[in-house]
Amino acid sequence: MHISDFMVHIHEALSPEQQCQLEDFVRQQPCVVGAGMSARNSHLMTVAYDSECGTAHSILTRVREKVTGAEMIGL
């Protein structure tokens, strides 16, 4: 397993409940090994995934099913 990660910036304001739901949704995606919202900035989520199994782009596409205003940053 080769673990990579990326950061997602979410433009929409999410309630704490919506943040938890999004984290759970992302964690359930194929190849994802972890996801978590930033404690300091609720607009940032880090996603760790097995890069031999999937891509950051494919995971971001799934995130956008739940929040349309999402983009990768820091790449």
C-alpha atoms as a PDB file:
ATOM      1  CA  MET A   1       0.000   0.000   0.000  1.00  0.00           C
ATOM      2  CA  HIS A   2       1.318   3.453  -0.941  1.00  0.00           C
ATOM      3  CA  ILE A   3      -0.352   6.169   1.111  1.00  0.00           C
ATOM      4  CA  SER A   4      -0.698   9.645  -0.375  1.00  0.00           C
ATOM      5  CA  ASP A   5      -2.755  12.540   0.841  1.00  0.00           C
ATOM      6  CA  PHE A   6      -4.218  15.790  -0.367  1.00  0.00           C
ATOM      7  CA  MET A   7      -6.133  18.740   1.014  1.00  0.00           C
ATOM      8  CA  VAL A   8      -9.631  19.733  -0.058  1.00  0.00           C
ATOM      9  CA  HIS A   9     -10.878  23.302   0.346  1.00  0.00           C
ATOM     10  CA  ILE A  10     -14.645  23.432   0.806  1.00  0.00           C
ATOM     11  CA  HIS A  11     -16.191  26.752  -0.157  1.00  0.00           C
ATOM     12  CA  GLU A  12     -19.557  26.057   1.459  1.00  0.00           C
ATOM     13  CA  ALA A  13     -20.138  26.681   5.152  1.00  0.00           C
ATOM     14  CA  LEU A  14     -20.931  23.302   6.699  1.00  0.00           C
ATOM     15  CA  SER A  15     -22.456  22.714  10.118  1.00  0.00           C
ATOM     16  CA  PRO A  16     -20.553  20.375  12.455  1.00  0.00           C
ATOM     17  CA  GLU A  17     -23.097  17.657  11.618  1.00  0.00           C
ATOM     18  CA  GLN A  18     -22.579  18.156   7.876  1.00  0.00           C
ATOM     19  CA  GLN A  19     -18.802  18.025   8.382  1.00  0.00           C
ATOM     20  CA  CYS A  20     -19.110  14.657  10.151  1.00  0.00           C
ATOM     21  CA  GLN A  21     -21.387  13.345   7.413  1.00  0.00           C
ATOM     22  CA  LEU A  22     -18.902  14.436   4.739  1.00  0.00           C
ATOM     23  CA  GLU A  23     -15.984  12.825   6.586  1.00  0.00           C
ATOM     24  CA  ASP A  24     -17.949   9.572   6.903  1.00  0.00           C
ATOM     25  CA  PHE A  25     -18.918   9.680   3.221  1.00  0.00           C
ATOM     26  CA  VAL A  26     -15.308  10.203   2.116  1.00  0.00           C
ATOM     27  CA  ARG A  27     -13.981   7.462   4.424  1.00  0.00           C
ATOM     28  CA  GLN A  28     -16.381   4.994   2.777  1.00  0.00           C
ATOM     29  CA  GLN A  29     -14.968   5.634  -0.708  1.00  0.00           C
ATOM     30  CA  PRO A  30     -12.792   2.977  -2.327  1.00  0.00           C
ATOM     31  CA  CYS A  31      -9.059   3.467  -1.699  1.00  0.00           C
ATOM     32  CA  VAL A  32      -9.562   6.069   1.076  1.00  0.00           C
ATOM     33  CA  VAL A  33      -7.790   5.190   4.316  1.00  0.00           C
ATOM     34  CA  GLY A  34      -8.660   8.347   6.262  1.00  0.00           C
ATOM     35  CA  ALA A  35     -10.333  11.735   6.087  1.00  0.00           C
ATOM     36  CA  GLY A  36     -10.672  14.545   8.581  1.00  0.00           C
ATOM     37  CA  MET A  37     -11.700  18.159   8.796  1.00  0.00           C
ATOM     38  CA  SER A  38      -9.160  20.631  10.156  1.00  0.00           C
ATOM     39  CA  ALA A  39      -9.731  21.600  13.790  1.00  0.00           C
ATOM     40  CA  ARG A  40      -8.503  25.137  13.049  1.00  0.00           C
ATOM     41  CA  ASN A  41     -10.184  25.722   9.701  1.00  0.00           C
ATOM     42  CA  SER A  42     -13.482  23.999   9.040  1.00  0.00           C
ATOM     43  CA  HIS A  43     -13.126  24.644   5.304  1.00  0.00           C
ATOM     44  CA  LEU A  44     -10.179  22.232   4.990  1.00  0.00           C
ATOM     45  CA  MET A  45     -10.255  18.461   4.888  1.00  0.00           C
ATOM     46  CA  THR A  46      -7.271  16.135   4.534  1.00  0.00           C
ATOM     47  CA  VAL A  47      -7.815  12.881   2.682  1.00  0.00           C
ATOM     48  CA  ALA A  48      -5.357   9.974   2.816  1.00  0.00           C
ATOM     49  CA  TYR A  49      -5.661   7.234   0.197  1.00  0.00           C
ATOM     50  CA  ASP A  50      -3.877   4.270  -1.357  1.00  0.00           C
ATOM     51  CA  SER A  51      -2.353   5.703  -4.528  1.00  0.00           C
ATOM     52  CA  GLU A  52      -1.962   2.212  -6.002  1.00  0.00           C
ATOM     53  CA  CYS A  53      -5.732   1.829  -5.843  1.00  0.00           C
ATOM     54  CA  GLY A  54      -7.131   5.224  -6.828  1.00  0.00           C
ATOM     55  CA  THR A  55      -6.429   8.870  -7.566  1.00  0.00           C
ATOM     56  CA  ALA A  56      -6.985  12.137  -5.757  1.00  0.00           C
ATOM     57  CA  HIS A  57      -9.032  13.341  -8.711  1.00  0.00           C
ATOM     58  CA  SER A  58     -11.451  10.409  -8.504  1.00  0.00           C
ATOM     59  CA  ILE A  59     -11.917  10.991  -4.780  1.00  0.00           C
ATOM     60  CA  LEU A  60     -12.453  14.725  -5.326  1.00  0.00           C
ATOM     61  CA  THR A  61     -15.128  13.884  -7.894  1.00  0.00           C
ATOM     62  CA  ARG A  62     -16.978  11.911  -5.208  1.00  0.00           C
ATOM     63  CA  VAL A  63     -16.573  14.779  -2.682  1.00  0.00           C
ATOM     64  CA  ARG A  64     -18.176  17.103  -5.219  1.00  0.00           C
ATOM     65  CA  GLU A  65     -21.264  14.881  -5.205  1.00  0.00           C
ATOM     66  CA  LYS A  66     -21.865  16.118  -1.645  1.00  0.00           C
ATOM     67  CA  VAL A  67     -20.387  19.648  -1.779  1.00  0.00           C
ATOM     68  CA  THR A  68     -20.185  21.363  -5.142  1.00  0.00           C
ATOM     69  CA  GLY A  69     -17.713  23.988  -3.972  1.00  0.00           C
ATOM     70  CA  ALA A  70     -14.714  21.736  -3.349  1.00  0.00           C
ATOM     71  CA  GLU A  71     -11.241  21.914  -4.827  1.00  0.00           C
ATOM     72  CA  MET A  72      -7.821  20.382  -4.253  1.00  0.00           C
ATOM     73  CA  ILE A  73      -5.210  22.720  -2.844  1.00  0.00           C
ATOM     74  CA  GLY A  74      -1.524  22.542  -2.172  1.00  0.00           C
ATOM     75  CA  LEU A  75      -0.564  20.412  -5.159  1.00  0.00           C
END
